[in-house]
Amino acid sequence: MIKPLMANKDIKLGRDKLFALLKEYGLLIKPRKRYIQTTMSKHWMKKWPNLTRQLSVNEPDQVWVSDITYIKTEEGNSYLNMITDAYSRKIVGYAVDDNMETGSMIKALKQAINQKVNAQLPTIHHSDRGLQYCSQEYGTLTTQNNIQLSMKMHWQNE
């Protein structure tokens, strides 16, 4: 639209230079970030203390870190829960589902438990304070398998 006007004034300006100029004068429109919330940490369920602060991880299955992310598909959002071994950085359990309910998280946890090398070794399961990780069913499964829950506090940048 502005090309003819610029040609009349004998101004030659490429796309990159134009965007740099618009940015310099604060005329660019910033795209809105689309954010899908995967953590609801303001709930009544028990929240566990952070056991990983100041901890030196020096062997597999010592600390597992769990998180949920969403994957946009043509059918809608799917949710991927991954449990990662903090020492080896290996994904030891995962589950994909169309919801973020505890059942899906338990699938990933059972997968991680089944691959655990030393069942006697106490494992710390570190996560955010999401409902799924605070549920009684999840807590019972961890206790039965020598796993301690640990949670990032909402004010910690981890």
Protein backbone atom coordinates (compact mmCIF):
# COMPACT_ATOMS: atom_id res chain seq x y z
CA MET A 1 0.00 0.00 0.00
CA ILE A 2 2.81 2.41 0.74
CA LYS A 3 5.01 1.33 -2.17
CA PRO A 4 3.61 3.89 -4.69
CA LEU A 5 3.85 6.70 -2.13
CA MET A 6 7.46 5.80 -1.39
CA ALA A 7 8.29 5.57 -5.14
CA ASN A 8 6.84 9.10 -5.66
CA LYS A 9 9.20 10.42 -3.00
CA ASP A 10 12.10 8.34 -4.41
CA ILE A 11 12.45 6.35 -1.17
CA LYS A 12 13.89 2.86 -1.41
CA LEU A 13 13.28 0.77 1.66
CA GLY A 14 13.34 -3.00 2.00
CA ARG A 15 11.18 -5.03 4.33
CA ASP A 16 13.86 -5.50 7.01
CA LYS A 17 14.78 -1.81 7.06
CA LEU A 18 11.07 -0.89 7.24
CA PHE A 19 10.50 -3.17 10.24
CA ALA A 20 13.63 -1.85 11.94
CA LEU A 21 12.34 1.71 11.45
CA LEU A 22 8.88 0.82 12.75
CA LYS A 23 10.44 -0.85 15.77
CA GLU A 24 12.67 2.15 16.46
CA TYR A 25 9.61 4.41 16.66
CA GLY A 26 7.50 1.93 18.62
CA LEU A 27 5.05 1.39 15.76
CA LEU A 28 5.13 -2.41 15.61
CA ILE A 29 2.12 -4.28 16.91
CA LYS A 30 3.25 -6.94 19.37
CA PRO A 31 1.56 -10.29 18.83
CA ARG A 32 -0.46 -11.55 21.77
CA LYS A 33 1.04 -14.56 23.43
CA ARG A 34 -1.27 -17.53 23.41
CA TYR A 35 -0.88 -19.19 26.75
CA ILE A 36 -2.33 -22.50 27.79
CA GLN A 37 -2.31 -22.95 31.55
CA THR A 38 -1.18 -26.43 32.56
CA THR A 39 -0.72 -25.76 36.28
CA MET A 40 -3.40 -24.91 38.80
CA SER A 41 -1.43 -24.53 42.01
CA LYS A 42 -4.02 -22.66 44.09
CA HIS A 43 -5.95 -25.61 45.47
CA TRP A 44 -6.71 -27.18 48.84
CA MET A 45 -4.67 -30.35 48.38
CA LYS A 46 -1.40 -31.00 50.21
CA LYS A 47 1.65 -29.41 48.67
CA TRP A 48 5.01 -30.99 49.33
CA PRO A 49 8.24 -29.19 50.28
CA ASN A 50 11.06 -28.74 47.77
CA LEU A 51 13.58 -31.50 48.47
CA THR A 52 15.85 -30.61 45.54
CA ARG A 53 17.16 -27.26 46.75
CA GLN A 54 20.90 -27.57 47.48
CA LEU A 55 20.80 -31.25 46.38
CA SER A 56 23.63 -32.63 44.30
CA VAL A 57 22.30 -35.20 41.82
CA ASN A 58 24.94 -37.85 41.20
CA GLU A 59 23.16 -41.02 40.07
CA PRO A 60 20.23 -42.21 37.94
CA ASP A 61 16.81 -42.52 39.60
CA GLN A 62 17.85 -40.16 42.40
CA VAL A 63 15.63 -37.31 41.14
CA TRP A 64 12.87 -37.35 38.55
CA VAL A 65 11.44 -34.11 37.26
CA SER A 66 7.91 -34.06 35.90
CA ASP A 67 6.03 -31.49 33.85
CA ILE A 68 3.08 -31.14 31.50
CA THR A 69 3.08 -29.32 28.18
CA TYR A 70 0.41 -28.96 25.57
CA ILE A 71 0.58 -29.91 21.93
CA LYS A 72 -1.76 -28.15 19.52
CA THR A 73 -3.35 -30.55 17.02
CA GLU A 74 -6.13 -30.29 14.45
CA GLU A 75 -8.44 -32.08 16.90
CA GLY A 76 -7.61 -29.65 19.72
CA ASN A 77 -5.01 -29.61 22.46
CA SER A 78 -3.29 -32.74 23.66
CA TYR A 79 -1.27 -32.83 26.85
CA LEU A 80 2.13 -34.47 27.18
CA ASN A 81 3.33 -35.43 30.65
CA MET A 82 7.00 -36.33 30.85
CA ILE A 83 9.06 -37.63 33.73
CA THR A 84 12.76 -37.00 33.18
CA ASP A 85 15.67 -38.44 35.13
CA ALA A 86 17.61 -35.39 36.37
CA TYR A 87 20.97 -37.20 36.22
CA SER A 88 20.83 -38.82 32.78
CA ARG A 89 18.29 -36.39 31.23
CA LYS A 90 16.53 -39.46 29.90
CA ILE A 91 12.72 -39.47 29.67
CA VAL A 92 11.78 -42.35 31.93
CA GLY A 93 8.01 -42.03 31.64
CA TYR A 94 5.51 -40.20 29.47
CA ALA A 95 1.83 -40.12 28.59
CA VAL A 96 -0.17 -38.18 26.01
CA ASP A 97 -3.86 -37.54 26.52
CA ASP A 98 -6.60 -35.08 25.59
CA ASN A 99 -6.87 -33.99 29.23
CA MET A 100 -4.63 -33.26 32.20
CA GLU A 101 -6.35 -35.53 34.69
CA THR A 102 -4.47 -37.59 37.24
CA GLY A 103 -5.03 -40.85 35.34
CA SER A 104 -2.80 -39.72 32.50
CA MET A 105 -0.09 -38.60 34.90
CA ILE A 106 -0.24 -41.98 36.64
CA LYS A 107 0.42 -43.73 33.31
CA ALA A 108 3.68 -41.80 32.99
CA LEU A 109 4.60 -42.49 36.61
CA LYS A 110 3.97 -46.24 36.28
CA GLN A 111 6.14 -46.30 33.16
CA ALA A 112 8.95 -44.58 35.08
CA ILE A 113 8.58 -46.97 38.02
CA ASN A 114 8.76 -50.00 35.70
CA GLN A 115 12.09 -48.90 34.22
CA LYS A 116 13.67 -47.99 37.57
CA VAL A 117 17.00 -49.83 37.88
CA ASN A 118 17.14 -50.09 41.68
CA ALA A 119 13.68 -50.26 43.25
CA GLN A 120 15.22 -49.92 46.74
CA LEU A 121 16.84 -46.57 45.92
CA PRO A 122 14.69 -43.72 47.24
CA THR A 123 13.70 -41.40 44.40
CA ILE A 124 12.63 -37.78 44.64
CA HIS A 125 9.81 -36.87 42.24
CA HIS A 126 10.01 -33.11 41.66
CA SER A 127 7.22 -31.16 39.96
CA ASP A 128 5.22 -27.99 40.11
CA ARG A 129 2.26 -27.77 42.47
CA GLY A 130 -0.32 -28.95 39.95
CA LEU A 131 -3.45 -30.73 41.13
CA GLN A 132 -2.44 -33.96 39.41
CA TYR A 133 0.72 -34.35 41.48
CA CYS A 134 -1.08 -33.49 44.74
CA SER A 135 -3.86 -36.05 44.37
CA GLN A 136 -4.20 -38.85 46.91
CA GLU A 137 -3.96 -41.50 44.18
CA TYR A 138 -0.66 -40.08 42.89
CA GLY A 139 0.72 -39.71 46.42
CA THR A 140 -0.19 -43.29 47.32
CA LEU A 141 1.53 -44.68 44.22
CA THR A 142 4.71 -42.74 44.99
CA THR A 143 4.76 -43.84 48.64
CA GLN A 144 4.27 -47.50 47.66
CA ASN A 145 7.28 -47.27 45.34
CA ASN A 146 9.82 -45.54 47.61
CA ILE A 147 9.35 -42.17 45.90
CA GLN A 148 9.19 -38.88 47.79
CA LEU A 149 7.20 -35.99 46.33
CA SER A 150 8.94 -32.63 46.05
CA MET A 151 7.41 -29.46 44.65
CA LYS A 152 8.62 -26.16 43.35
CA MET A 153 7.11 -23.36 45.35
CA HIS A 154 5.21 -20.81 43.26
CA TRP A 155 7.74 -18.07 44.00
CA GLN A 156 10.82 -20.09 43.06
CA ASN A 157 12.37 -19.67 39.62
CA GLU A 158 13.52 -23.19 38.86
